[in-house]
Amino acid sequence: MPEFPPLSARSAILSLLLGTPSRSLSAAQLAAAARHLDINPATVRVALTRAVAADELVRDGTSYRLGPRLVERRARQDAHEAVVPWDGSWETAVVVTTGRPGTDRAALRTHLAGARLAELREGVWMRPANLRRATTDLSSVDVRLFRATPDDDPAGLAADLWDLSGWAAETVDVLSALDGTTGPGRRLAVAAHLVRHLATDPLLPDELQPQDWPAAEARRAYAGYLAELEEVVSD
């Protein structure tokens, strides 16, 4: 069972803004939500100041909204909305540059993994071509892009690329924890873990999903939790 340590005040505030449907929250709304989470108001003020200084939040009068990096993170959370019918082809990204600094290689790996690709072998990344993307989403001087259709079993290829049984097992554990947790602060910590976990969902087409794949159930549970948050910040 995963561990769900309580979130710091700063992480709690960022999770609130990442999770609530509102694009911004007033200082009063954040203070009310913090009280609900048993976070001291003075601690909230310090956390807001530090989050703004770190460009995690943008202050707009008396309201706060996500900074650019977290807007991008929220877009990754919502990537499941870009799933389209699958034609059997696979996106293939081949890294064609060599001798890059380690920081550049790590950044490229993070970018490709964030785009829901997985590495078949060093420098070769793939996924089913069932996501709606802008033409520039994967473009890079380091990468050449192709469409491919494997000759062998595509479900077997998906199982080679991702630890599907491990992902499903962790999903079930987190859902069980969310269902069994009542304290507001602890529920926020579990829900934050759940949404981070969902960001690693490979978003496979229905044809390639293992039996009883729990991603849809997990998104329904997270949506239910977001409804709880909306009630708190709307009071």
Protein backbone atom coordinates (compact mmCIF):
# COMPACT_ATOMS: atom_id res chain seq x y z
CA MET A 1 0.00 0.00 0.00
CA PRO A 2 1.49 3.40 -0.93
CA GLU A 3 2.27 5.91 1.81
CA PHE A 4 0.34 9.19 1.84
CA PRO A 5 2.17 11.67 4.08
CA PRO A 6 0.28 14.90 4.84
CA LEU A 7 0.89 17.69 2.35
CA SER A 8 2.72 20.86 3.31
CA ALA A 9 0.65 24.05 3.27
CA ARG A 10 2.22 25.06 -0.04
CA SER A 11 1.57 21.67 -1.66
CA ALA A 12 -2.00 21.69 -0.32
CA ILE A 13 -2.68 25.12 -1.86
CA LEU A 14 -1.21 24.07 -5.21
CA SER A 15 -3.24 20.86 -5.13
CA LEU A 16 -6.41 22.86 -4.45
CA LEU A 17 -5.80 25.08 -7.47
CA LEU A 18 -4.79 22.13 -9.66
CA GLY A 19 -7.91 20.27 -8.66
CA THR A 20 -10.72 22.77 -8.48
CA PRO A 21 -12.61 23.55 -11.72
CA SER A 22 -12.19 27.28 -10.99
CA ARG A 23 -9.26 28.81 -12.84
CA SER A 24 -8.50 31.05 -9.86
CA LEU A 25 -9.35 31.21 -6.17
CA SER A 26 -9.54 34.25 -3.94
CA ALA A 27 -7.43 34.56 -0.82
CA ALA A 28 -10.62 34.19 1.21
CA GLN A 29 -11.54 30.94 -0.58
CA LEU A 30 -8.06 29.55 -0.04
CA ALA A 31 -8.17 30.53 3.62
CA ALA A 32 -11.54 28.80 4.04
CA ALA A 33 -10.23 25.67 2.34
CA ALA A 34 -7.13 25.76 4.52
CA ARG A 35 -9.26 25.93 7.67
CA HIS A 36 -11.14 22.90 6.37
CA LEU A 37 -7.75 21.17 6.08
CA ASP A 38 -6.66 22.33 9.57
CA ILE A 39 -3.91 24.58 8.18
CA ASN A 40 -3.14 27.75 10.13
CA PRO A 41 -4.10 30.97 8.24
CA ALA A 42 -0.66 32.51 8.92
CA THR A 43 0.94 29.44 7.35
CA VAL A 44 -1.29 29.88 4.30
CA ARG A 45 -0.15 33.49 3.85
CA VAL A 46 3.50 32.45 3.96
CA ALA A 47 2.87 29.57 1.55
CA LEU A 48 1.10 31.88 -0.92
CA THR A 49 3.95 34.39 -0.82
CA ARG A 50 6.52 31.66 -1.48
CA ALA A 51 4.45 30.07 -4.26
CA VAL A 52 4.15 33.43 -6.03
CA ALA A 53 7.89 34.05 -5.63
CA ALA A 54 8.59 30.63 -7.18
CA ASP A 55 6.26 31.38 -10.15
CA GLU A 56 4.03 28.49 -9.13
CA LEU A 57 1.13 30.91 -8.64
CA VAL A 58 0.27 34.28 -10.14
CA ARG A 59 -1.44 36.87 -7.96
CA ASP A 60 -4.24 38.76 -9.68
CA GLY A 61 -5.63 41.36 -7.29
CA THR A 62 -7.04 39.35 -4.40
CA SER A 63 -7.08 36.09 -6.36
CA TYR A 64 -4.48 33.48 -7.25
CA ARG A 65 -4.15 31.34 -10.37
CA LEU A 66 -1.66 28.74 -11.52
CA GLY A 67 1.66 29.82 -12.99
CA PRO A 68 2.66 28.62 -16.51
CA ARG A 69 4.48 25.46 -15.37
CA LEU A 70 1.50 24.28 -13.36
CA VAL A 71 -0.91 25.19 -16.16
CA GLU A 72 1.11 22.75 -18.27
CA ARG A 73 0.88 20.17 -15.50
CA ARG A 74 -2.87 20.60 -15.33
CA ALA A 75 -3.03 20.06 -19.11
CA ARG A 76 -1.17 16.75 -18.64
CA GLN A 77 -3.72 15.79 -15.97
CA ASP A 78 -6.48 16.37 -18.52
CA ALA A 79 -4.73 14.49 -21.37
CA HIS A 80 -7.33 11.70 -21.26
CA GLU A 81 -9.76 14.15 -22.85
CA ALA A 82 -7.61 14.04 -26.02
CA VAL A 83 -8.08 10.31 -26.65
CA VAL A 84 -9.40 9.59 -30.19
CA PRO A 85 -10.35 6.38 -32.01
CA TRP A 86 -7.30 4.25 -32.81
CA ASP A 87 -6.38 3.24 -36.36
CA GLY A 88 -3.81 0.61 -35.32
CA SER A 89 -0.74 2.77 -35.90
CA TRP A 90 1.87 3.78 -33.32
CA GLU A 91 3.64 7.06 -32.75
CA THR A 92 7.38 6.41 -32.85
CA ALA A 93 9.97 8.94 -31.72
CA VAL A 94 13.61 8.14 -32.43
CA VAL A 95 16.31 10.16 -30.69
CA VAL A 96 18.82 11.06 -33.42
CA THR A 97 21.34 13.28 -31.62
CA THR A 98 24.29 12.06 -29.58
CA GLY A 99 26.72 13.59 -27.15
CA ARG A 100 24.16 15.78 -25.43
CA PRO A 101 24.71 16.89 -21.81
CA GLY A 102 23.09 14.69 -19.19
CA THR A 103 20.66 17.44 -18.19
CA ASP A 104 19.45 17.70 -21.80
CA ARG A 105 19.01 13.93 -22.08
CA ALA A 106 17.05 13.85 -18.82
CA ALA A 107 14.83 16.74 -19.96
CA LEU A 108 14.08 14.97 -23.25
CA ARG A 109 13.21 11.73 -21.45
CA THR A 110 10.90 13.65 -19.12
CA HIS A 111 9.26 15.36 -22.10
CA LEU A 112 8.65 12.11 -23.98
CA ALA A 113 7.38 10.28 -20.90
CA GLY A 114 5.11 13.24 -20.12
CA ALA A 115 3.70 12.88 -23.63
CA ARG A 116 2.71 9.28 -22.66
CA LEU A 117 5.37 7.55 -24.76
CA ALA A 118 7.43 4.64 -23.37
CA GLU A 119 10.93 3.53 -24.29
CA LEU A 120 11.15 0.30 -26.30
CA ARG A 121 14.95 0.45 -26.30
CA GLU A 122 17.40 3.25 -25.73
CA GLY A 123 16.41 6.19 -27.94
CA VAL A 124 13.25 4.58 -29.36
CA TRP A 125 9.97 5.71 -27.83
CA MET A 126 6.48 4.54 -28.82
CA ARG A 127 2.79 4.64 -28.03
CA PRO A 128 -0.48 3.86 -29.84
CA ALA A 129 -1.44 6.84 -32.03
CA ASN A 130 -4.73 7.52 -30.24
CA LEU A 131 -4.05 10.97 -28.79
CA ARG A 132 -5.06 14.23 -30.42
CA ARG A 133 -1.89 16.32 -30.55
CA ALA A 134 -0.74 19.60 -32.02
CA THR A 135 1.90 19.01 -34.69
CA THR A 136 4.49 20.71 -32.49
CA ASP A 137 3.84 18.65 -29.32
CA LEU A 138 6.71 16.23 -29.96
CA SER A 139 8.81 18.20 -32.44
CA SER A 140 12.47 18.59 -31.49
CA VAL A 141 15.83 18.79 -33.21
CA ASP A 142 16.74 15.72 -31.12
CA VAL A 143 13.88 13.53 -32.36
CA ARG A 144 12.58 12.17 -35.66
CA LEU A 145 8.92 11.17 -35.68
CA PHE A 146 7.36 8.24 -37.54
CA ARG A 147 4.13 6.25 -37.68
CA ALA A 148 4.61 2.48 -37.46
CA THR A 149 2.40 -0.61 -37.43
CA PRO A 150 3.92 -3.62 -35.63
CA ASP A 151 3.68 -7.03 -37.25
CA ASP A 152 3.22 -8.85 -33.95
CA ASP A 153 0.60 -8.60 -31.20
CA PRO A 154 0.04 -4.91 -30.31
CA ALA A 155 -1.28 -5.82 -26.85
CA GLY A 156 1.96 -7.68 -26.20
CA LEU A 157 3.93 -4.64 -27.33
CA ALA A 158 1.96 -2.45 -24.90
CA ALA A 159 2.73 -4.91 -22.09
CA ASP A 160 6.44 -4.70 -22.97
CA LEU A 161 6.40 -0.92 -22.91
CA TRP A 162 4.48 -0.42 -19.64
CA ASP A 163 4.14 -2.32 -16.37
CA LEU A 164 0.38 -2.57 -16.79
CA SER A 165 -0.26 -5.01 -13.95
CA GLY A 166 1.80 -2.87 -11.57
CA TRP A 167 -0.04 0.29 -12.62
CA ALA A 168 -3.43 -1.36 -12.16
CA ALA A 169 -2.49 -2.76 -8.74
CA GLU A 170 -1.36 0.64 -7.46
CA THR A 171 -4.55 2.22 -8.80
CA VAL A 172 -6.67 -0.24 -6.85
CA ASP A 173 -4.64 0.45 -3.68
CA VAL A 174 -5.02 4.22 -4.00
CA LEU A 175 -8.74 3.96 -4.70
CA SER A 176 -9.13 1.80 -1.60
CA ALA A 177 -7.20 4.38 0.44
CA LEU A 178 -9.33 7.25 -0.88
CA ASP A 179 -12.51 5.36 -0.09
CA GLY A 180 -11.32 4.55 3.43
CA THR A 181 -9.91 7.97 4.38
CA THR A 182 -12.15 10.52 6.07
CA GLY A 183 -9.91 13.34 7.40
CA PRO A 184 -9.89 16.28 4.95
CA GLY A 185 -6.12 16.72 4.99
CA ARG A 186 -5.44 13.02 4.50
CA ARG A 187 -8.04 12.80 1.73
CA LEU A 188 -6.32 15.66 -0.09
CA ALA A 189 -2.98 13.83 0.21
CA VAL A 190 -4.47 10.62 -1.21
CA ALA A 191 -6.25 12.49 -4.01
CA ALA A 192 -3.03 14.32 -4.89
CA HIS A 193 -1.28 10.96 -5.16
CA LEU A 194 -4.11 9.64 -7.29
CA VAL A 195 -3.93 12.47 -9.81
CA ARG A 196 -0.13 12.13 -10.05
CA HIS A 197 -0.63 8.42 -10.65
CA LEU A 198 -3.23 9.09 -13.34
CA ALA A 199 -0.66 11.27 -15.10
CA THR A 200 1.29 8.04 -15.76
CA ASP A 201 -1.70 6.21 -17.27
CA PRO A 202 -0.56 5.16 -20.77
CA LEU A 203 -4.03 6.02 -22.10
CA LEU A 204 -4.22 2.86 -24.16
CA PRO A 205 -6.99 2.35 -26.70
CA ASP A 206 -9.78 0.09 -25.51
CA GLU A 207 -8.45 -2.68 -27.75
CA LEU A 208 -5.17 -2.82 -25.82
CA GLN A 209 -6.38 -2.37 -22.25
CA PRO A 210 -6.09 -5.41 -19.98
CA GLN A 211 -9.28 -6.83 -18.55
CA ASP A 212 -10.72 -4.80 -15.66
CA TRP A 213 -8.42 -1.86 -16.38
CA PRO A 214 -9.18 0.58 -13.49
CA ALA A 215 -8.36 3.95 -15.10
CA ALA A 216 -11.98 4.97 -15.75
CA GLU A 217 -12.99 4.08 -12.18
CA ALA A 218 -10.04 6.10 -10.86
CA ARG A 219 -11.08 9.16 -12.88
CA ARG A 220 -14.64 8.88 -11.61
CA ALA A 221 -13.36 8.71 -8.03
CA TYR A 222 -11.14 11.74 -8.58
CA ALA A 223 -14.02 13.65 -10.17
CA GLY A 224 -16.10 12.89 -7.10
CA TYR A 225 -13.34 14.23 -4.89
CA LEU A 226 -13.14 17.40 -6.99
CA ALA A 227 -16.85 17.91 -6.37
CA GLU A 228 -16.06 17.80 -2.63
CA LEU A 229 -13.37 20.45 -3.08
CA GLU A 230 -15.67 22.67 -5.09
CA GLU A 231 -18.18 22.66 -2.24
CA VAL A 232 -15.45 23.72 0.22
CA VAL A 233 -14.12 26.62 -1.87
CA SER A 234 -17.63 27.74 -2.86
CA ASP A 235 -18.88 28.17 0.72
